[in-house]
Amino acid sequence: MTTYRTASPQEVRKAIRQGIIQGPTAGMAAGHVQANLAVVPRDLAFDFLLFAQRNPKACPILDVTEPGSPEPKLIAPGSDIRTDIPRYRIYEHGMLTAEVTDVTPFWRDDLVAFLIGCSFSFESAMMNAGIPIRHIEEKCNVPMFRTSIPCVPAGSLHGNMVVSMRPIRYEQVVRAVQVTSRYPSVHGAPIHIGDPSVIGIKDVMKPDFGDSVTIKDGEVPVFWPCGVTPQSIAMTSKPPFMITHAPGHMFVCDPRDEHLAAF
């Protein structure tokens, strides 16, 4: 069975559109940017843009579509945001009401899609630096957690940050920080290293989203800001309508990771 690791972004999106890929996209189209999704009505789009501007670690914006347009023209011209993600979530008034593989039936002329940087995008650089990525090794989704870290409110939007976790060997933590800090457009350096309880996580083996992974002796949990944060914000702020990706099921973009490297 193919892993799509060496496939092009266009090939991955086509396989998603055809229903061949329905699971998490970590490791696919290696070396290319992946993005989170948040879609809101036009009358909420300014609040969301302001929220992202005030919380760039959690919500670094890669592209924004025109109202009603499903095409992210900057990062994947010719693609369709309604069909090119393996799995989507529909939130209504803060409640998860549906999880689907195609949001075309939910699409409206007033919807604006925000593509948000994803930490999957710097995992190739980490592996090239000799840092193993456990959820790729174990062929599962990255563990993600709601935290006690408050985001800066904007308009009607408020709530706490979501983080993703990767176990890193103690002697590789500094290198992991160095590698990921080069990619501020896809969350950049970690937000926390070590004791999960400091950021409100009760049990690091019970993620709120994604799957648990093995933490071996000599490893420390390292936490990065996560683009699932808008889903936490939806639960807290309860906007009437929001479409997101299902956690770990990302939009694969045309640019390469290195195109986003800051230095």
Protein backbone atom coordinates (compact mmCIF):
# COMPACT_ATOMS: atom_id res chain seq x y z
CA MET A 1 0.00 0.00 0.00
CA THR A 2 1.40 3.37 -0.99
CA THR A 3 2.15 5.93 1.71
CA TYR A 4 2.13 8.83 -0.77
CA ARG A 5 5.33 10.07 0.85
CA THR A 6 6.99 10.74 -2.52
CA ALA A 7 3.79 11.82 -4.31
CA SER A 8 3.26 15.37 -5.52
CA PRO A 9 0.70 17.60 -3.76
CA GLN A 10 -1.50 17.37 -6.85
CA GLU A 11 -1.39 13.56 -6.74
CA VAL A 12 -2.28 13.53 -3.04
CA ARG A 13 -5.19 15.94 -3.52
CA LYS A 14 -6.47 13.85 -6.44
CA ALA A 15 -6.35 10.67 -4.35
CA ILE A 16 -8.21 12.48 -1.56
CA ARG A 17 -10.84 13.77 -3.98
CA GLN A 18 -11.34 10.22 -5.31
CA GLY A 19 -11.76 8.83 -1.80
CA ILE A 20 -8.56 6.78 -1.93
CA ILE A 21 -7.00 8.71 0.97
CA GLN A 22 -9.34 9.12 3.93
CA GLY A 23 -6.94 9.17 6.89
CA PRO A 24 -4.35 11.51 8.42
CA THR A 25 -1.92 13.10 5.97
CA ALA A 26 1.29 13.18 8.07
CA GLY A 27 4.28 12.27 5.90
CA MET A 28 2.42 12.62 2.58
CA ALA A 29 3.99 14.69 -0.22
CA ALA A 30 7.05 14.95 1.99
CA GLY A 31 8.73 18.32 1.82
CA HIS A 32 5.53 20.18 0.96
CA VAL A 33 3.49 22.49 3.14
CA GLN A 34 0.31 21.21 4.77
CA ALA A 35 -2.48 23.44 6.08
CA ASN A 36 -5.31 23.47 8.59
CA LEU A 37 -8.72 24.78 7.54
CA ALA A 38 -11.24 27.12 9.11
CA VAL A 39 -14.22 28.32 7.07
CA VAL A 40 -16.57 30.99 8.41
CA PRO A 41 -19.33 33.21 7.01
CA ARG A 42 -18.24 36.54 5.62
CA ASP A 43 -19.75 38.46 8.55
CA LEU A 44 -17.38 36.59 10.90
CA ALA A 45 -14.33 36.70 8.61
CA PHE A 46 -12.92 39.97 9.97
CA ASP A 47 -13.13 38.68 13.54
CA PHE A 48 -11.35 35.50 12.50
CA LEU A 49 -8.64 37.38 10.58
CA LEU A 50 -8.09 39.65 13.59
CA PHE A 51 -7.98 36.61 15.88
CA ALA A 52 -5.33 35.00 13.67
CA GLN A 53 -3.32 38.24 13.55
CA ARG A 54 -3.35 38.42 17.35
CA ASN A 55 -2.47 34.73 17.76
CA PRO A 56 0.12 34.05 15.03
CA LYS A 57 1.75 31.11 16.83
CA ALA A 58 -1.49 29.14 16.82
CA CYS A 59 -3.04 30.51 13.62
CA PRO A 60 -0.41 31.55 11.04
CA ILE A 61 -2.38 32.39 7.89
CA LEU A 62 -1.11 30.94 4.60
CA ASP A 63 -4.02 31.88 2.33
CA VAL A 64 -7.56 33.30 2.43
CA THR A 65 -10.15 32.65 -0.26
CA GLU A 66 -12.53 35.16 -1.77
CA PRO A 67 -16.09 34.91 -0.38
CA GLY A 68 -17.83 31.94 -1.99
CA SER A 69 -14.70 30.71 -3.77
CA PRO A 70 -13.41 27.22 -2.86
CA GLU A 71 -10.02 27.80 -4.52
CA PRO A 72 -6.97 28.79 -2.41
CA LYS A 73 -5.22 30.51 -5.29
CA LEU A 74 -1.95 31.36 -3.54
CA ILE A 75 -1.01 27.92 -2.20
CA ALA A 76 -2.85 25.50 -4.51
CA PRO A 77 -4.28 27.04 -7.69
CA GLY A 78 -6.82 24.78 -9.35
CA SER A 79 -7.65 22.90 -6.15
CA ASP A 80 -11.03 22.74 -4.40
CA ILE A 81 -11.11 23.21 -0.65
CA ARG A 82 -14.52 21.49 -0.53
CA THR A 83 -13.21 18.11 -1.69
CA ASP A 84 -9.43 18.05 -1.29
CA ILE A 85 -9.20 17.32 2.45
CA PRO A 86 -9.73 13.71 3.62
CA ARG A 87 -12.20 14.57 6.37
CA TYR A 88 -14.02 17.70 7.54
CA ARG A 89 -15.94 18.78 10.62
CA ILE A 90 -19.05 20.96 10.79
CA TYR A 91 -19.59 23.07 13.91
CA GLU A 92 -22.89 24.80 14.63
CA HIS A 93 -23.21 27.03 17.70
CA GLY A 94 -20.15 25.34 19.19
CA MET A 95 -21.39 21.80 18.68
CA LEU A 96 -19.78 19.27 16.34
CA THR A 97 -22.75 18.30 14.19
CA ALA A 98 -21.15 16.33 11.34
CA GLU A 99 -17.92 14.79 10.10
CA VAL A 100 -17.84 14.29 6.33
CA THR A 101 -15.46 13.68 3.41
CA ASP A 102 -16.98 16.37 1.14
CA VAL A 103 -18.37 19.73 2.23
CA THR A 104 -19.85 20.71 -1.14
CA PRO A 105 -23.43 20.25 0.21
CA PHE A 106 -22.63 22.68 3.04
CA TRP A 107 -20.94 25.32 0.87
CA ARG A 108 -22.45 28.80 0.61
CA ASP A 109 -21.72 31.93 -1.39
CA ASP A 110 -20.80 33.88 1.75
CA LEU A 111 -18.15 31.48 3.07
CA VAL A 112 -14.50 32.50 3.46
CA ALA A 113 -11.82 29.81 3.89
CA PHE A 114 -8.69 30.41 5.95
CA LEU A 115 -5.71 28.10 5.34
CA ILE A 116 -3.55 27.95 8.46
CA GLY A 117 0.01 26.67 8.77
CA CYS A 118 0.42 23.10 10.07
CA SER A 119 3.29 21.59 12.04
CA PHE A 120 3.30 18.58 9.69
CA SER A 121 5.14 20.98 7.40
CA PHE A 122 8.34 21.02 9.46
CA GLU A 123 8.45 17.29 10.16
CA SER A 124 10.56 16.53 7.08
CA ALA A 125 13.14 19.04 8.34
CA MET A 126 13.09 17.37 11.74
CA MET A 127 13.61 13.93 10.24
CA ASN A 128 16.39 15.27 8.02
CA ALA A 129 18.04 16.48 11.24
CA GLY A 130 17.85 12.95 12.65
CA ILE A 131 14.88 13.59 14.95
CA PRO A 132 12.33 10.74 14.76
CA ILE A 133 8.62 11.60 14.47
CA ARG A 134 6.76 9.09 16.60
CA HIS A 135 3.28 9.33 15.06
CA ILE A 136 4.79 8.72 11.61
CA GLU A 137 6.75 5.75 12.97
CA GLU A 138 3.60 4.33 14.59
CA LYS A 139 1.41 5.17 11.55
CA CYS A 140 -1.16 7.11 13.53
CA ASN A 141 -2.34 10.67 14.05
CA VAL A 142 -0.37 13.23 16.05
CA PRO A 143 -1.65 13.70 19.63
CA MET A 144 -3.29 17.10 20.22
CA PHE A 145 -4.48 18.67 23.46
CA ARG A 146 -6.63 21.56 24.61
CA THR A 147 -4.61 23.66 27.06
CA SER A 148 -4.99 26.34 29.70
CA ILE A 149 -2.99 28.79 27.52
CA PRO A 150 -5.36 31.67 26.70
CA CYS A 151 -5.50 33.12 23.21
CA VAL A 152 -5.86 36.86 22.70
CA PRO A 153 -9.58 37.49 22.03
CA ALA A 154 -10.82 39.21 18.88
CA GLY A 155 -14.39 40.35 18.42
CA SER A 156 -16.66 37.45 19.29
CA LEU A 157 -13.85 34.86 19.27
CA HIS A 158 -12.11 33.71 22.44
CA GLY A 159 -10.74 30.56 24.06
CA ASN A 160 -7.56 28.57 24.72
CA MET A 161 -4.79 27.23 22.51
CA VAL A 162 -4.56 23.67 21.22
CA VAL A 163 -1.10 22.08 21.01
CA SER A 164 0.39 19.07 19.26
CA MET A 165 2.93 16.84 21.03
CA ARG A 166 5.99 14.97 19.83
CA PRO A 167 8.27 12.96 22.16
CA ILE A 168 11.88 14.09 21.70
CA ARG A 169 15.03 12.61 23.21
CA TYR A 170 16.51 14.95 25.83
CA GLU A 171 19.72 15.44 23.87
CA GLN A 172 17.74 16.38 20.73
CA VAL A 173 15.40 18.97 22.27
CA VAL A 174 17.66 21.95 21.53
CA ARG A 175 18.05 20.78 17.92
CA ALA A 176 14.26 20.36 17.59
CA VAL A 177 13.79 23.94 18.77
CA GLN A 178 16.43 25.19 16.31
CA VAL A 179 14.93 23.30 13.36
CA THR A 180 11.30 24.25 13.94
CA SER A 181 12.01 27.89 14.79
CA ARG A 182 12.94 28.36 11.12
CA TYR A 183 9.26 27.87 10.21
CA PRO A 184 7.16 30.55 11.93
CA SER A 185 4.53 30.28 9.19
CA VAL A 186 3.76 26.73 10.36
CA HIS A 187 3.84 27.38 14.15
CA GLY A 188 7.61 27.69 14.60
CA ALA A 189 9.33 26.80 17.88
CA PRO A 190 7.62 24.85 20.68
CA ILE A 191 5.33 26.64 23.11
CA HIS A 192 6.19 24.30 26.01
CA ILE A 193 8.70 21.58 26.88
CA GLY A 194 8.24 19.06 29.66
CA ASP A 195 5.58 18.81 32.40
CA PRO A 196 2.17 18.76 30.63
CA SER A 197 0.30 19.84 33.76
CA VAL A 198 1.89 23.30 33.57
CA ILE A 199 -0.25 24.02 30.48
CA GLY A 200 -3.38 22.30 31.77
CA ILE A 201 -2.93 18.82 30.29
CA LYS A 202 -3.96 16.20 32.85
CA ASP A 203 -2.84 13.05 31.04
CA VAL A 204 -0.38 13.15 28.13
CA MET A 205 -1.52 9.65 27.12
CA LYS A 206 -5.12 10.81 26.60
CA PRO A 207 -5.14 13.43 23.82
CA ASP A 208 -8.26 15.48 23.09
CA PHE A 209 -7.69 15.00 19.35
CA GLY A 210 -5.62 12.46 17.40
CA ASP A 211 -3.97 9.39 18.89
CA SER A 212 -1.72 8.65 21.83
CA VAL A 213 1.89 7.73 21.01
CA THR A 214 4.65 5.96 22.89
CA ILE A 215 6.92 8.11 25.05
CA LYS A 216 10.12 6.15 25.61
CA ASP A 217 12.63 6.34 28.43
CA GLY A 218 14.96 9.29 27.86
CA GLU A 219 12.32 11.30 25.98
CA VAL A 220 10.49 14.49 26.95
CA PRO A 221 7.09 15.61 25.60
CA VAL A 222 7.48 18.73 23.47
CA PHE A 223 4.42 20.82 22.58
CA TRP A 224 3.86 23.06 19.54
CA PRO A 225 0.97 25.49 18.90
CA CYS A 226 -1.61 23.77 16.71
CA GLY A 227 -3.96 24.85 13.93
CA VAL A 228 -6.76 22.88 15.58
CA THR A 229 -7.04 25.89 17.90
CA PRO A 230 -9.96 27.33 15.82
CA GLN A 231 -11.96 24.21 16.69
CA SER A 232 -11.40 24.88 20.38
CA ILE A 233 -12.40 28.49 19.73
CA ALA A 234 -15.58 27.28 17.99
CA MET A 235 -16.48 25.21 21.06
CA THR A 236 -15.89 28.18 23.36
CA SER A 237 -17.21 31.08 21.27
CA LYS A 238 -20.08 29.13 19.68
CA PRO A 239 -20.30 30.86 16.28
CA PRO A 240 -23.41 29.86 14.31
CA PHE A 241 -21.42 28.00 11.65
CA MET A 242 -17.84 26.88 10.99
CA ILE A 243 -16.27 24.26 8.74
CA THR A 244 -12.87 22.83 9.70
CA HIS A 245 -10.64 19.94 8.76
CA ALA A 246 -10.78 16.88 11.01
CA PRO A 247 -7.65 17.01 13.20
CA GLY A 248 -4.65 15.50 11.37
CA HIS A 249 -6.50 15.41 8.03
CA MET A 250 -4.78 18.30 6.30
CA PHE A 251 -4.85 20.23 3.03
CA VAL A 252 -1.65 19.47 1.08
CA CYS A 253 -0.30 22.63 -0.57
CA ASP A 254 1.93 23.21 -3.59
CA PRO A 255 4.79 25.22 -1.95
CA ARG A 256 7.70 23.36 -0.43
CA ASP A 257 8.47 23.63 3.27
CA GLU A 258 11.71 25.45 2.55
CA HIS A 259 9.77 28.21 0.80
CA LEU A 260 8.44 29.16 4.25
CA ALA A 261 11.78 28.96 6.08
CA ALA A 262 12.63 32.26 7.74
CA PHE A 263 16.42 31.69 7.69
